[in-house]
Amino acid sequence: MAEDFKNPAIGRYNFKGRYDYTLPGYSIGLKEVEEINLIAKEPWGWYFIGHKDQDYRSDTWYEKQHCVISFNSHEDLIQVVLQVGSRL
């Protein structure tokens, strides 16, 4: 498990790479993260973009954001969209 931290292709929260893909929903599932970890060969990760009417005091504040997965490699992005895209 400690070796995972040495692997640059393991997804990281708040990572912003060169190529972004905005998901239609407000989150990414753990299963999808694990699958992308197996596909990606270069660093990747995810971050969130809040909507202008997002209110963090609301119990459903997270529903007013989009999740973005981001990659350093264009090829990794394409492979992920092709292999995992229908579940994102």
Protein backbone atom coordinates (compact mmCIF):
# COMPACT_ATOMS: atom_id res chain seq x y z
CA MET A 1 0.00 0.00 0.00
CA ALA A 2 2.83 2.43 0.75
CA GLU A 3 4.05 1.88 -2.80
CA ASP A 4 0.83 3.45 -4.12
CA PHE A 5 2.05 6.85 -2.94
CA LYS A 6 5.12 6.47 -5.13
CA ASN A 7 3.01 5.77 -8.23
CA PRO A 8 2.41 9.08 -10.02
CA ALA A 9 -0.59 7.65 -11.89
CA ILE A 10 -2.67 7.25 -8.72
CA GLY A 11 -5.49 9.80 -8.76
CA ARG A 12 -5.18 12.75 -6.43
CA TYR A 13 -7.83 15.12 -5.12
CA ASN A 14 -7.51 18.73 -6.30
CA PHE A 15 -5.15 17.78 -9.13
CA LYS A 16 -5.29 20.04 -12.18
CA GLY A 17 -3.61 18.67 -15.26
CA ARG A 18 -3.51 19.79 -18.88
CA TYR A 19 -6.65 17.97 -20.05
CA ASP A 20 -10.01 18.17 -18.27
CA TYR A 21 -13.26 16.24 -18.59
CA THR A 22 -16.26 17.67 -16.75
CA LEU A 23 -18.55 14.96 -15.42
CA PRO A 24 -22.30 15.42 -15.72
CA GLY A 25 -22.74 14.90 -11.98
CA TYR A 26 -21.36 16.31 -8.77
CA SER A 27 -19.07 13.43 -7.77
CA ILE A 28 -16.92 10.51 -8.87
CA GLY A 29 -17.28 7.04 -7.39
CA LEU A 30 -14.53 5.08 -5.68
CA LYS A 31 -14.92 2.21 -8.16
CA GLU A 32 -14.35 4.59 -11.05
CA VAL A 33 -11.30 6.11 -9.33
CA GLU A 34 -9.85 2.62 -8.87
CA GLU A 35 -10.49 1.75 -12.53
CA ILE A 36 -8.91 5.00 -13.74
CA ASN A 37 -5.89 4.26 -11.55
CA LEU A 38 -5.42 1.06 -13.56
CA ILE A 39 -5.80 2.84 -16.91
CA ALA A 40 -3.80 6.04 -16.39
CA LYS A 41 -0.09 5.97 -17.01
CA GLU A 42 0.60 9.57 -15.99
CA PRO A 43 -0.61 11.78 -13.13
CA TRP A 44 -4.32 12.47 -12.96
CA GLY A 45 -6.90 13.54 -10.40
CA TRP A 46 -10.14 15.36 -9.80
CA TYR A 47 -11.43 18.66 -8.51
CA PHE A 48 -14.75 20.41 -8.16
CA ILE A 49 -16.24 23.53 -9.70
CA GLY A 50 -18.98 25.13 -7.63
CA HIS A 51 -21.95 26.88 -9.20
CA LYS A 52 -22.50 30.55 -8.43
CA ASP A 53 -25.65 29.70 -6.41
CA GLN A 54 -23.86 27.07 -4.28
CA ASP A 55 -24.63 27.57 -0.58
CA TYR A 56 -22.35 25.66 1.79
CA ARG A 57 -24.87 26.16 4.61
CA SER A 58 -27.36 23.92 2.79
CA ASP A 59 -27.56 20.20 3.53
CA THR A 60 -27.35 19.57 -0.21
CA TRP A 61 -24.53 22.03 -0.99
CA TYR A 62 -22.60 19.36 -2.94
CA GLU A 63 -25.37 19.09 -5.53
CA LYS A 64 -24.47 22.56 -6.79
CA GLN A 65 -21.06 21.60 -8.17
CA HIS A 66 -19.51 19.65 -10.99
CA CYS A 67 -16.73 17.13 -10.68
CA VAL A 68 -13.87 17.47 -13.16
CA ILE A 69 -11.35 14.72 -13.83
CA SER A 70 -8.03 16.05 -15.05
CA PHE A 71 -5.08 14.38 -16.76
CA ASN A 72 -1.54 15.24 -17.78
CA SER A 73 -1.86 12.84 -20.71
CA HIS A 74 -4.35 13.31 -23.53
CA GLU A 75 -4.11 9.58 -24.27
CA ASP A 76 -5.07 8.74 -20.65
CA LEU A 77 -8.10 11.03 -20.94
CA ILE A 78 -9.23 9.35 -24.16
CA GLN A 79 -8.76 5.83 -22.77
CA VAL A 80 -10.70 6.69 -19.61
CA VAL A 81 -13.60 8.21 -21.54
CA LEU A 82 -13.73 5.17 -23.82
CA GLN A 83 -13.43 2.55 -21.07
CA VAL A 84 -15.18 4.17 -18.07
CA GLY A 85 -17.08 7.08 -19.62
CA SER A 86 -20.53 5.52 -19.58
CA ARG A 87 -20.34 5.18 -15.76
CA LEU A 88 -18.98 8.63 -15.01
